[in-house]
């Protein structure tokens, strides 16, 4: 066997062919070199991408050295939809695009700004330039772009510019209910109206906990009826133009529950583009403005006198002569120069008679009654914008006399409507609400402030004041079939420290159907002028027709059926309001 092996070896040497084990060694050495090259290539790629990844992370977490503390680009938390009482959308979230920059990737800030200005001409040059020149990893440039703007900017092809999808608030009705709904800021946080109320009552906490997700937020339903709200705002805007007034407003209130069905104040604003929302003339005069409400306050003076038990509908007051107290003389606007019955004091709006009604109760009793009616305390409701009423620090007789006919104290129109509702609904005062409220819930918060007999008498006086031929000032508010009753108020405004006879704040407060009131409507007109072809600019010529128009156009929406068999009212009416 050894011989055979030697022979084979010899043959191999003679043939010049390398042995098998030598060929295998050569192949092994060549394969190792190839594997080394692959490993080295992989290592190079890993190294390169690690450097790139590291730089990206560095740019992403690096702090803004310019002091810009804008958002980090995270998606904003959602807000719940706001609906009216019938489920119509008043406010909702929509997706919008916002423009941002990564300043370290901007090659030429000047060129970038020049290009962006062709699409966004209102871009703040200095602010934008400062952000683009910074070493920040992220900077907002413009929030809330339109789809067209986004498309145009993308076509510019600017390096270091990008877009992020955010949530923005959209109000389908525009300015229709702007003072009620309020506003959100650029970060979708409520800053006014019911939007602010929603944040303060749970949404902010959900945001902080990271739970404000659109899928988990229940819609917020308001007491507002969008159909009635549209009518009210339309009437208010038209009245402001028709009477050349500086402002106008109105509210519709459910007398049984205290729910606000509609409220508008003009001039207002568009919450979708609230560039002028903070102008002083655009405040919500219905709840955030305090005014001398003029003769509408006589409703409370008469109710106070009746509720005291010291007078009744047959009582009389001597209005033959003016009242002089100190340097002030109290006269009637259209004096009758005779003794007046209590109903005549009311329908003729006698200042002298009202002063004597207050005198029956006394100064302390007068002040206590107005506080009891909620007219002199800050109103409690969901809406954040609420003015504080004003009254004399120390009441003297002159204050009681002038306040009896609506001068010398200031309250909000909404509070006046709420107090009037208590006079109409059997004497139950309840805080107004912009959220749905059932009768059971209303009964729990209601407070009896006058007797049912006083409420009965006031319904009679309201209706009498609106009857044609009665001599009352409310006949221009009547609507056939709906039995409207109410009281006008024309207050002289203070100009340069003195009451002006030519500058007025007018109001009309009404209830319907007056035999069993369901709703109170109050309108205001600030500094109206006489309508073309008319000689008067008092409340009967402008605030009362506004009530008429609101009731005529919205009564069917409110579920009030007309009754054309109405008769002249001749006696007080007893009504059970607990049904």
Protein backbone atom coordinates (compact mmCIF):
# COMPACT_ATOMS: atom_id res chain seq x y z
CA UNK A 1 0.00 0.00 0.00
CA UNK A 2 2.93 2.31 0.69
CA UNK A 3 4.37 1.50 -2.69
CA UNK A 4 1.21 2.55 -4.36
CA UNK A 5 1.28 5.89 -2.56
CA UNK A 6 4.92 6.54 -3.57
CA UNK A 7 4.13 5.75 -7.12
CA UNK A 8 1.17 8.16 -7.17
CA UNK A 9 3.35 10.92 -5.69
CA UNK A 10 5.99 10.27 -8.25
CA UNK A 11 3.55 10.45 -11.07
CA UNK A 12 2.29 13.82 -9.75
CA UNK A 13 5.76 15.26 -9.60
CA UNK A 14 6.55 14.04 -13.06
CA UNK A 15 3.36 15.50 -14.48
CA UNK A 16 4.03 18.91 -12.83
CA UNK A 17 0.56 19.00 -11.24
CA UNK A 18 0.24 20.45 -7.69
CA UNK A 19 -1.01 18.14 -5.01
CA UNK A 20 -4.70 18.43 -3.99
CA UNK A 21 -3.99 19.73 -0.50
CA UNK A 22 -1.90 22.62 -2.01
CA UNK A 23 -4.80 23.71 -4.28
CA UNK A 24 -7.23 23.78 -1.30
CA UNK A 25 -4.89 26.01 0.70
CA UNK A 26 -4.70 28.51 -2.14
CA UNK A 27 -8.51 28.80 -2.41
CA UNK A 28 -8.93 29.34 1.33
CA UNK A 29 -6.53 32.27 1.34
CA UNK A 30 -8.37 34.00 -1.55
CA UNK A 31 -11.83 33.53 0.10
CA UNK A 32 -10.72 35.17 3.34
CA UNK A 33 -9.70 38.31 1.46
CA UNK A 34 -13.13 38.58 -0.23
CA UNK A 35 -14.97 38.21 3.06
CA UNK A 36 -12.82 40.90 4.62
CA UNK A 37 -13.69 43.29 1.84
CA UNK A 38 -17.46 42.69 2.35
CA UNK A 39 -17.15 43.17 6.10
CA UNK A 40 -15.23 46.37 5.57
CA UNK A 41 -17.85 47.67 3.13
CA UNK A 42 -20.68 46.87 5.55
CA UNK A 43 -18.77 48.57 8.37
CA UNK A 44 -18.32 51.67 6.23
CA UNK A 45 -22.03 51.84 5.40
CA UNK A 46 -22.97 51.36 9.06
CA UNK A 47 -20.55 54.09 10.08
CA UNK A 48 -21.85 56.54 7.50
CA UNK A 49 -25.51 55.98 8.39
CA UNK A 50 -24.73 56.15 12.10
CA UNK A 51 -23.20 59.59 11.60
CA UNK A 52 -26.22 60.73 9.57
CA UNK A 53 -28.63 59.35 12.18
CA UNK A 54 -26.69 60.95 14.98
CA UNK A 55 -26.76 64.33 13.26
CA UNK A 56 -30.50 64.07 12.72
CA UNK A 57 -31.06 63.27 16.38
CA UNK A 58 -28.79 66.16 17.34
CA UNK A 59 -30.73 68.60 15.18
CA UNK A 60 -34.02 67.27 16.51
CA UNK A 61 -33.24 67.72 20.21
CA UNK A 62 -31.08 70.84 20.06
CA UNK A 63 -32.62 73.77 21.97
CA UNK A 64 -33.61 77.04 20.30
CA UNK A 65 -30.86 79.53 21.13
CA UNK A 66 -32.93 82.51 19.95
CA UNK A 67 -35.41 82.20 22.77
CA UNK A 68 -38.25 81.10 20.46
CA UNK A 69 -40.54 79.03 22.63
CA UNK A 70 -43.07 78.01 20.02
CA UNK A 71 -44.79 74.62 19.80
CA UNK A 72 -42.72 71.57 19.11
CA UNK A 73 -44.92 70.58 16.22
CA UNK A 74 -46.95 67.99 18.08
CA UNK A 75 -50.52 67.49 16.95
CA UNK A 76 -52.89 69.66 18.98
CA UNK A 77 -55.41 68.04 21.29
CA UNK A 78 -58.97 67.81 20.04
CA UNK A 79 -61.98 69.81 21.23
CA UNK A 80 -65.51 68.46 21.49
CA UNK A 81 -68.09 69.57 18.97
CA UNK A 82 -70.57 72.17 20.20
CA UNK A 83 -74.18 71.52 19.17
CA UNK A 84 -77.42 73.45 19.51
CA UNK A 85 -80.38 71.96 21.37
CA UNK A 86 -81.51 70.18 18.17
CA UNK A 87 -78.11 68.67 17.34
CA UNK A 88 -77.02 71.25 14.75
CA UNK A 89 -73.25 71.81 14.74
CA UNK A 90 -72.20 75.21 16.08
CA UNK A 91 -68.46 74.51 16.37
CA UNK A 92 -66.22 71.62 15.32
CA UNK A 93 -62.58 70.70 14.72
CA UNK A 94 -61.19 70.54 11.20
CA UNK A 95 -57.77 69.52 9.91
CA UNK A 96 -55.52 72.30 8.71
CA UNK A 97 -51.92 72.59 7.56
CA UNK A 98 -49.28 74.71 9.24
CA UNK A 99 -45.92 75.76 7.82
CA UNK A 100 -42.70 75.13 9.73
CA UNK A 101 -38.98 75.39 9.06
CA UNK A 102 -35.86 73.53 10.12
CA UNK A 103 -33.51 76.56 10.22
CA UNK A 104 -30.28 74.55 10.01
CA UNK A 105 -31.39 73.20 6.67
CA UNK A 106 -32.22 76.61 5.23
CA UNK A 107 -29.50 77.43 2.67
CA UNK A 108 -30.41 81.06 2.00
CA UNK A 109 -32.89 82.71 4.46
CA UNK A 110 -33.27 85.79 2.25
CA UNK A 111 -34.24 83.74 -0.74
CA UNK A 112 -36.57 81.58 1.35
CA UNK A 113 -38.43 84.63 2.70
CA UNK A 114 -38.63 86.19 -0.75
CA UNK A 115 -40.18 83.04 -2.18
CA UNK A 116 -42.59 82.55 0.73
CA UNK A 117 -43.76 86.17 0.45
CA UNK A 118 -45.08 85.47 -3.02
CA UNK A 119 -47.64 83.13 -1.44
CA UNK A 120 -47.90 84.71 2.04
CA UNK A 121 -47.63 88.49 1.52
CA UNK A 122 -48.61 89.18 5.15
CA UNK A 123 -45.67 87.19 6.52
CA UNK A 124 -43.80 89.12 9.21
CA UNK A 125 -40.38 89.67 7.59
CA UNK A 126 -38.29 90.44 10.70
CA UNK A 127 -39.78 87.66 12.80
CA UNK A 128 -39.50 85.09 10.02
CA UNK A 129 -35.92 86.10 9.19
CA UNK A 130 -34.92 85.79 12.86
CA UNK A 131 -36.35 82.29 13.02
CA UNK A 132 -34.75 81.14 9.79
CA UNK A 133 -31.32 82.48 10.86
CA UNK A 134 -31.49 80.72 14.22
CA UNK A 135 -29.85 77.39 15.06
CA UNK A 136 -33.14 75.89 16.19
CA UNK A 137 -34.28 72.49 15.09
CA UNK A 138 -37.90 73.62 14.59
CA UNK A 139 -39.75 76.91 14.14
CA UNK A 140 -43.35 77.69 13.19
CA UNK A 141 -43.69 80.13 10.29
CA UNK A 142 -47.43 80.24 9.59
CA UNK A 143 -50.36 78.41 11.19
CA UNK A 144 -53.62 77.52 9.50
CA UNK A 145 -52.79 77.51 5.80
CA UNK A 146 -55.40 76.99 3.11
CA UNK A 147 -54.96 73.97 0.81
CA UNK A 148 -54.14 76.35 -2.04
CA UNK A 149 -51.40 78.06 -0.01
CA UNK A 150 -49.89 74.72 0.90
CA UNK A 151 -49.87 73.63 -2.74
CA UNK A 152 -48.26 76.87 -3.88
CA UNK A 153 -45.54 76.71 -1.20
CA UNK A 154 -44.76 73.10 -2.01
CA UNK A 155 -44.25 74.11 -5.66
CA UNK A 156 -41.56 76.57 -4.56
CA UNK A 157 -39.30 73.67 -3.52
CA UNK A 158 -37.59 75.46 -0.63
CA UNK A 159 -35.22 73.15 1.33
CA UNK A 160 -35.88 72.97 5.07
CA UNK A 161 -39.57 73.89 4.77
CA UNK A 162 -42.31 71.48 5.76
CA UNK A 163 -45.97 71.12 6.77
CA UNK A 164 -47.73 69.59 9.75
CA UNK A 165 -51.38 68.69 10.03
CA UNK A 166 -53.11 70.36 12.98
CA UNK A 167 -56.63 70.81 14.33
CA UNK A 168 -58.36 74.16 13.97
CA UNK A 169 -61.77 75.34 15.16
CA UNK A 170 -64.45 75.95 12.57
CA UNK A 171 -67.78 77.69 13.14
CA UNK A 172 -70.27 76.83 10.36
CA UNK A 173 -72.53 79.75 11.26
CA UNK A 174 -69.76 82.34 11.24
CA UNK A 175 -70.83 85.29 13.41
CA UNK A 176 -74.36 83.95 14.06
CA UNK A 177 -73.63 82.98 17.69
CA UNK A 178 -70.15 84.44 18.12
CA UNK A 179 -70.66 86.04 21.55
CA UNK A 180 -72.10 82.82 22.94
CA UNK A 181 -69.57 80.39 21.44
CA UNK A 182 -66.56 82.64 22.03
CA UNK A 183 -63.07 81.97 20.67
CA UNK A 184 -60.07 79.66 20.72
CA UNK A 185 -56.45 80.74 20.34
CA UNK A 186 -53.90 79.49 17.82
CA UNK A 187 -53.29 76.40 19.96
CA UNK A 188 -57.00 75.47 19.94
CA UNK A 189 -57.52 76.51 23.57
CA UNK A 190 -60.73 78.29 24.60
CA UNK A 191 -60.23 81.94 25.54
CA UNK A 192 -63.80 83.33 25.51
CA UNK A 193 -67.45 82.33 25.63
CA UNK A 194 -68.57 78.74 25.96
CA UNK A 195 -65.26 77.61 24.45
CA UNK A 196 -63.53 78.95 27.55
CA UNK A 197 -66.18 77.42 29.80
CA UNK A 198 -65.54 73.99 28.25
CA UNK A 199 -61.79 74.29 28.93
CA UNK A 200 -62.36 75.38 32.53
CA UNK A 201 -64.74 72.50 33.21
CA UNK A 202 -62.72 69.46 32.27
CA UNK A 203 -61.12 69.82 28.86
CA UNK A 204 -57.90 71.39 30.17
CA UNK A 205 -57.49 68.51 32.63
CA UNK A 206 -58.01 66.00 29.83
CA UNK A 207 -55.39 67.80 27.75
CA UNK A 208 -52.89 67.68 30.60
CA UNK A 209 -53.54 63.96 31.00
CA UNK A 210 -53.18 63.36 27.25
CA UNK A 211 -56.76 62.10 27.00
CA UNK A 212 -58.24 64.83 24.80
CA UNK A 213 -58.86 62.59 21.81
CA UNK A 214 -61.61 63.37 19.31
CA UNK A 215 -62.86 59.79 19.47
CA UNK A 216 -63.43 59.94 23.23
CA UNK A 217 -64.92 63.46 23.58
CA UNK A 218 -68.69 63.72 23.80
CA UNK A 219 -70.25 66.73 22.01
CA UNK A 220 -71.37 69.62 24.22
CA UNK A 221 -75.03 70.47 23.63
CA UNK A 222 -76.20 74.02 24.34
CA UNK A 223 -79.66 75.38 25.10
CA UNK A 224 -79.42 77.57 21.99
CA UNK A 225 -81.83 76.98 19.10
CA UNK A 226 -79.86 77.81 15.97
CA UNK A 227 -83.00 78.74 14.03
CA UNK A 228 -84.07 81.28 16.66
CA UNK A 229 -80.48 82.47 17.06
CA UNK A 230 -80.33 83.24 13.35
CA UNK A 231 -83.56 85.25 13.55
CA UNK A 232 -82.43 87.20 16.62
CA UNK A 233 -79.07 88.14 15.15
CA UNK A 234 -80.63 89.15 11.86
CA UNK A 235 -83.15 91.43 13.62
CA UNK A 236 -80.41 92.94 15.79
CA UNK A 237 -78.08 93.70 12.86
CA UNK A 238 -80.92 95.19 10.81
CA UNK A 239 -82.08 97.33 13.75
CA UNK A 240 -78.60 98.72 14.26
CA UNK A 241 -78.54 99.83 10.62
CA UNK A 242 -82.17 100.95 10.46
CA UNK A 243 -81.95 103.20 13.51
CA UNK A 244 -78.34 104.32 12.92
CA UNK A 245 -77.45 103.02 16.40
CA UNK A 246 -73.99 102.33 17.74
CA UNK A 247 -75.15 98.92 18.97
CA UNK A 248 -78.17 96.66 19.41
CA UNK A 249 -78.93 93.36 21.11
CA UNK A 250 -81.59 90.84 22.09
CA UNK A 251 -82.18 87.69 24.13
CA UNK A 252 -84.88 85.01 24.15
CA UNK A 253 -85.29 83.23 27.49
CA UNK A 254 -87.44 80.27 28.58
CA UNK A 255 -89.33 81.55 31.64
CA UNK A 256 -89.92 78.05 33.04
CA UNK A 257 -86.34 76.74 32.93
CA UNK A 258 -84.10 79.80 32.59
CA UNK A 259 -82.60 78.42 29.35
CA UNK A 260 -81.24 80.97 26.89
CA UNK A 261 -82.67 80.06 23.48
CA UNK A 262 -80.92 82.87 21.61
CA UNK A 263 -78.80 85.92 22.36
CA UNK A 264 -77.07 88.36 20.05
CA UNK A 265 -75.21 91.63 20.36
CA UNK A 266 -74.09 93.78 17.43
CA UNK A 267 -71.55 94.74 16.32
CA UNK A 268 -70.10 91.25 16.67
CA UNK A 269 -67.30 89.30 14.95
CA UNK A 270 -66.62 86.19 12.90
CA UNK A 271 -64.92 83.58 15.12
CA UNK A 272 -63.43 82.00 11.98
CA UNK A 273 -61.47 85.23 11.42
CA UNK A 274 -61.55 87.13 14.72
CA UNK A 275 -59.15 89.91 13.78
CA UNK A 276 -61.47 92.54 15.28
CA UNK A 277 -62.95 90.56 18.18
CA UNK A 278 -61.18 92.60 20.85
CA UNK A 279 -62.39 96.00 19.66
CA UNK A 280 -64.21 97.70 22.54
CA UNK A 281 -67.42 98.27 20.56
CA UNK A 282 -67.76 94.53 19.90
CA UNK A 283 -68.27 93.43 23.49
CA UNK A 284 -71.31 91.34 24.33
CA UNK A 285 -73.61 94.07 25.61
CA UNK A 286 -76.24 91.58 26.75
CA UNK A 287 -74.13 90.08 29.54
CA UNK A 288 -70.83 91.97 29.60
CA UNK A 289 -72.26 95.49 29.55
CA UNK A 290 -73.99 97.23 32.49
CA UNK A 291 -76.49 99.96 31.61
CA UNK A 292 -79.17 102.11 33.16
CA UNK A 293 -82.18 100.19 31.86
CA UNK A 294 -84.64 103.06 32.03
CA UNK A 295 -88.35 102.38 32.49
CA UNK A 296 -88.02 98.59 32.17
CA UNK A 297 -86.96 98.85 35.84
CA UNK A 298 -90.46 100.16 36.62
CA UNK A 299 -91.58 96.54 36.20
CA UNK A 300 -89.65 95.73 39.38
CA UNK A 301 -90.70 98.91 41.19
CA UNK A 302 -94.38 98.11 40.62
CA UNK A 303 -93.88 94.43 41.50
CA UNK A 304 -92.08 95.49 44.69
CA UNK A 305 -94.94 97.75 45.72
CA UNK A 306 -97.53 95.05 44.99
CA UNK A 307 -95.52 92.34 46.74
CA UNK A 308 -95.18 94.50 49.87
CA UNK A 309 -98.92 94.13 50.42
CA UNK A 310 -99.24 97.87 51.02
CA UNK A 311 -100.76 98.60 47.62
CA UNK A 312 -102.89 96.77 45.04
CA UNK A 313 -104.18 97.31 41.52
CA UNK A 314 -106.81 99.74 42.83
CA UNK A 315 -104.30 101.95 44.68
CA UNK A 316 -103.78 105.53 43.49
CA UNK A 317 -100.80 107.90 43.40
CA UNK A 318 -100.84 111.66 43.11
CA UNK A 319 -98.88 112.66 40.00
CA UNK A 320 -100.20 116.22 39.69
CA UNK A 321 -96.94 117.89 40.70
CA UNK A 322 -93.23 117.14 40.14
CA UNK A 323 -91.15 115.83 43.04
CA UNK A 324 -88.33 118.09 44.17
CA UNK A 325 -85.58 116.64 46.33
CA UNK A 326 -82.44 118.66 46.90
CA UNK A 327 -81.50 120.17 43.56
CA UNK A 328 -83.31 117.48 41.55
CA UNK A 329 -86.82 117.72 40.19
CA UNK A 330 -88.61 114.56 39.04
CA UNK A 331 -91.11 115.07 36.21
CA UNK A 332 -93.11 112.81 33.93
CA UNK A 333 -92.16 112.58 30.26
CA UNK A 334 -95.81 112.76 29.17
CA UNK A 335 -97.48 113.82 32.40
CA UNK A 336 -101.23 113.54 32.90
CA UNK A 337 -101.27 116.10 35.71
CA UNK A 338 -103.69 114.11 37.85
CA UNK A 339 -104.04 111.28 40.33
CA UNK A 340 -103.16 107.95 38.66
CA UNK A 341 -104.21 104.41 39.49
CA UNK A 342 -101.41 101.85 39.79
CA UNK A 343 -102.13 100.42 36.29
CA UNK A 344 -102.03 103.97 34.91
CA UNK A 345 -98.70 104.63 36.60
CA UNK A 346 -97.42 101.57 34.75
CA UNK A 347 -98.86 102.09 31.26
CA UNK A 348 -98.16 105.85 31.23
CA UNK A 349 -94.68 105.14 32.62
CA UNK A 350 -95.02 107.84 35.28
CA UNK A 351 -91.73 108.72 36.97
CA UNK A 352 -93.62 110.49 39.75
CA UNK A 353 -95.90 107.51 40.35
CA UNK A 354 -92.95 105.07 40.34
CA UNK A 355 -91.08 107.23 42.86
CA UNK A 356 -94.11 107.14 45.16
CA UNK A 357 -94.38 103.37 44.76
CA UNK A 358 -90.79 103.07 45.99
CA UNK A 359 -91.53 105.45 48.85
CA UNK A 360 -94.21 103.05 50.07
CA UNK A 361 -91.58 100.33 50.57
CA UNK A 362 -88.75 102.52 51.86
CA UNK A 363 -85.06 102.81 51.01
CA UNK A 364 -83.85 99.61 52.71
CA UNK A 365 -86.75 97.58 51.38
CA UNK A 366 -86.15 98.91 47.89
CA UNK A 367 -82.48 97.94 47.88
CA UNK A 368 -83.21 94.53 49.37
CA UNK A 369 -85.85 93.81 46.72
CA UNK A 370 -83.52 94.58 43.80
CA UNK A 371 -80.84 92.34 45.29
CA UNK A 372 -83.49 89.64 45.80
CA UNK A 373 -84.34 89.91 42.10
CA UNK A 374 -80.67 89.44 41.20
CA UNK A 375 -80.36 92.84 39.52
CA UNK A 376 -77.57 94.21 41.70
CA UNK A 377 -75.39 91.11 42.11
CA UNK A 378 -72.98 89.66 39.57
CA UNK A 379 -74.92 87.15 37.50
CA UNK A 380 -74.05 83.47 37.80
CA UNK A 381 -74.06 81.61 34.48
CA UNK A 382 -71.74 79.56 32.27
CA UNK A 383 -70.73 82.47 30.05
CA UNK A 384 -67.47 83.97 31.42
CA UNK A 385 -68.15 87.49 30.10
CA UNK A 386 -70.42 88.92 32.79
CA UNK A 387 -70.40 92.53 34.00
CA UNK A 388 -70.87 93.51 37.64
CA UNK A 389 -73.92 95.73 38.27
CA UNK A 390 -73.45 99.17 39.79
CA UNK A 391 -75.39 100.83 42.59
CA UNK A 392 -74.79 103.68 45.05
CA UNK A 393 -72.48 102.77 47.92
CA UNK A 394 -74.89 104.40 50.34
CA UNK A 395 -78.53 104.62 49.40
CA UNK A 396 -80.31 107.88 50.16
CA UNK A 397 -83.85 108.88 49.35
CA UNK A 398 -82.80 110.55 46.11
CA UNK A 399 -81.20 107.30 44.99
CA UNK A 400 -84.32 105.29 45.76
CA UNK A 401 -86.50 107.78 43.87
CA UNK A 402 -84.35 107.84 40.71
CA UNK A 403 -83.68 104.09 40.73
CA UNK A 404 -87.46 103.58 40.89
CA UNK A 405 -87.70 104.73 37.26
CA UNK A 406 -84.39 103.25 36.06
CA UNK A 407 -81.73 105.91 36.66
CA UNK A 408 -78.93 105.71 39.20
CA UNK A 409 -78.22 101.97 38.95
CA UNK A 410 -76.82 99.85 36.14
CA UNK A 411 -77.33 96.17 35.41
CA UNK A 412 -76.98 93.88 32.41
CA UNK A 413 -79.80 93.38 29.88
CA UNK A 414 -79.63 89.61 30.44
CA UNK A 415 -80.18 90.06 34.18
CA UNK A 416 -83.14 92.32 33.45
CA UNK A 417 -84.66 89.58 31.27
CA UNK A 418 -84.04 86.98 33.99
CA UNK A 419 -85.76 89.18 36.59
CA UNK A 420 -88.68 89.79 34.25
CA UNK A 421 -89.03 86.04 33.73
CA UNK A 422 -89.46 85.64 37.49
CA UNK A 423 -92.25 88.23 37.42
CA UNK A 424 -93.98 86.24 34.66
CA UNK A 425 -93.54 82.62 35.81
CA UNK A 426 -95.18 82.72 39.21
CA UNK A 427 -92.35 84.45 41.06
CA UNK A 428 -89.50 81.92 40.67
CA UNK A 429 -86.04 83.37 39.99
CA UNK A 430 -83.43 81.04 38.50
CA UNK A 431 -79.95 81.70 37.10
CA UNK A 432 -79.84 81.76 33.30
CA UNK A 433 -78.18 78.84 31.59
CA UNK A 434 -76.69 78.22 28.15
CA UNK A 435 -76.91 74.45 28.70
CA UNK A 436 -80.07 72.32 28.50
CA UNK A 437 -82.05 72.29 31.76
CA UNK A 438 -85.09 70.18 32.57
CA UNK A 439 -88.09 71.40 34.59
CA UNK A 440 -86.95 69.19 37.48
CA UNK A 441 -83.48 70.77 37.43
CA UNK A 442 -85.02 74.23 37.16
CA UNK A 443 -87.20 73.64 40.22
CA UNK A 444 -84.12 72.69 42.24
CA UNK A 445 -82.31 75.97 41.50
CA UNK A 446 -85.36 78.24 41.51
CA UNK A 447 -85.94 80.69 44.35
CA UNK A 448 -89.33 82.20 45.14
CA UNK A 449 -88.82 85.97 45.06
CA UNK A 450 -92.36 87.33 44.72
CA UNK A 451 -95.76 85.81 45.37
CA UNK A 452 -97.85 84.15 42.70
CA UNK A 453 -100.43 86.90 43.18
CA UNK A 454 -97.80 89.55 42.37
CA UNK A 455 -96.80 87.58 39.27
CA UNK A 456 -100.45 87.37 38.25
CA UNK A 457 -100.85 91.15 38.58
CA UNK A 458 -97.68 91.82 36.58
CA UNK A 459 -98.87 89.64 33.71
CA UNK A 460 -102.05 91.69 33.66
CA UNK A 461 -100.10 94.97 33.58
CA UNK A 462 -97.75 93.74 30.85
CA UNK A 463 -100.67 92.76 28.64
CA UNK A 464 -102.54 95.98 29.39
CA UNK A 465 -99.48 98.02 28.38
CA UNK A 466 -99.45 96.36 24.96
CA UNK A 467 -103.17 96.62 24.28
CA UNK A 468 -104.14 98.91 21.43
CA UNK A 469 -106.11 101.87 22.72
CA UNK A 470 -104.82 101.49 26.28
CA UNK A 471 -102.33 104.32 25.89
CA UNK A 472 -99.45 102.01 26.75
CA UNK A 473 -96.10 102.15 24.99
CA UNK A 474 -95.91 98.48 24.06
CA UNK A 475 -98.50 98.24 21.30
CA UNK A 476 -95.82 98.25 18.57
CA UNK A 477 -94.60 94.89 19.91
CA UNK A 478 -97.89 93.06 19.46
CA UNK A 479 -98.07 90.10 17.07
CA UNK A 480 -101.52 88.83 16.05
CA UNK A 481 -102.22 85.46 17.62
CA UNK A 482 -99.42 85.48 20.20
CA UNK A 483 -100.77 87.74 22.99
CA UNK A 484 -97.62 89.75 23.71
CA UNK A 485 -97.20 91.94 26.78
CA UNK A 486 -94.27 94.06 27.91
CA UNK A 487 -92.66 97.28 29.07
CA UNK A 488 -90.56 99.90 27.27
CA UNK A 489 -87.52 101.63 28.70
CA UNK A 490 -85.93 104.83 27.38
CA UNK A 491 -82.92 105.88 29.44
CA UNK A 492 -81.03 109.11 28.90
CA UNK A 493 -77.30 108.44 28.73
CA UNK A 494 -74.72 110.41 30.65
CA UNK A 495 -72.63 112.67 28.41
CA UNK A 496 -69.90 114.83 29.99
CA UNK A 497 -71.23 114.13 33.45
CA UNK A 498 -74.85 115.08 32.70
CA UNK A 499 -77.90 113.26 31.35
CA UNK A 500 -78.45 114.06 27.69
CA UNK A 501 -81.97 114.34 26.25
CA UNK A 502 -80.72 113.40 22.78
CA UNK A 503 -78.57 110.35 23.56
CA UNK A 504 -80.56 107.31 24.69
CA UNK A 505 -80.27 103.68 25.64
CA UNK A 506 -83.58 102.01 24.73
CA UNK A 507 -84.97 98.64 25.77
CA UNK A 508 -88.16 96.62 25.62
CA UNK A 509 -88.91 93.55 27.71
CA UNK A 510 -91.80 91.33 26.66
CA UNK A 511 -93.41 87.99 27.48
CA UNK A 512 -95.62 85.72 25.38
CA UNK A 513 -98.18 84.18 25.38
CA UNK A 514 -99.02 86.53 28.25
CA UNK A 515 -101.85 84.44 29.75
CA UNK A 516 -99.34 81.64 30.35
CA UNK A 517 -95.89 82.97 29.44
CA UNK A 518 -93.34 80.60 27.98
CA UNK A 519 -90.70 83.04 26.76
CA UNK A 520 -89.30 86.45 27.61
CA UNK A 521 -87.78 88.56 24.83
CA UNK A 522 -85.66 91.61 25.65
CA UNK A 523 -84.22 93.97 23.06
CA UNK A 524 -81.86 96.94 23.36
CA UNK A 525 -80.82 99.76 21.02
CA UNK A 526 -77.86 101.93 22.01
CA UNK A 527 -78.01 105.57 20.84
CA UNK A 528 -80.66 105.15 18.14
CA UNK A 529 -81.68 107.93 15.79
CA UNK A 530 -85.19 108.59 14.54
CA UNK A 531 -86.15 106.33 11.66
CA UNK A 532 -86.56 108.04 8.31
CA UNK A 533 -89.98 109.65 8.19
CA UNK A 534 -90.53 109.24 11.96
CA UNK A 535 -90.19 111.91 14.63
CA UNK A 536 -89.48 109.72 17.66
CA UNK A 537 -86.47 107.68 18.75
CA UNK A 538 -87.82 106.35 22.05
CA UNK A 539 -88.05 102.62 22.82
CA UNK A 540 -91.60 102.32 21.52
CA UNK A 541 -90.35 103.28 18.04
CA UNK A 542 -87.38 100.90 17.83
CA UNK A 543 -86.90 98.38 20.66
CA UNK A 544 -90.58 97.35 20.61
CA UNK A 545 -90.71 96.65 16.85
CA UNK A 546 -87.61 94.50 17.27
CA UNK A 547 -89.51 92.32 19.75
CA UNK A 548 -92.42 92.13 17.33
CA UNK A 549 -90.18 90.93 14.52
CA UNK A 550 -88.40 88.34 16.68
CA UNK A 551 -91.66 86.84 17.92
CA UNK A 552 -93.29 86.90 14.48
CA UNK A 553 -90.40 85.03 12.88
CA UNK A 554 -89.42 82.61 15.66
CA UNK A 555 -92.60 81.71 17.57
CA UNK A 556 -93.24 78.65 15.40
CA UNK A 557 -89.69 77.41 15.99
CA UNK A 558 -90.30 77.78 19.73
CA UNK A 559 -93.42 75.63 19.50
CA UNK A 560 -95.90 78.40 20.36
CA UNK A 561 -99.13 77.99 18.43
CA UNK A 562 -100.98 81.16 17.40
CA UNK A 563 -104.45 81.78 18.78
CA UNK A 564 -106.47 84.30 16.77
CA UNK A 565 -109.45 84.16 19.12
CA UNK A 566 -107.70 86.33 21.69
CA UNK A 567 -109.81 88.73 23.70
CA UNK A 568 -109.10 91.98 25.48
CA UNK A 569 -107.58 91.28 28.86
CA UNK A 570 -109.82 92.51 31.65
CA UNK A 571 -108.63 90.88 34.86
CA UNK A 572 -105.52 89.30 36.39
CA UNK A 573 -104.96 85.68 35.43
CA UNK A 574 -104.10 82.76 37.69
CA UNK A 575 -101.70 80.27 36.10
CA UNK A 576 -100.15 77.08 37.45
CA UNK A 577 -96.50 77.17 36.32
CA UNK A 578 -95.55 73.84 37.89
CA UNK A 579 -97.22 71.89 35.10
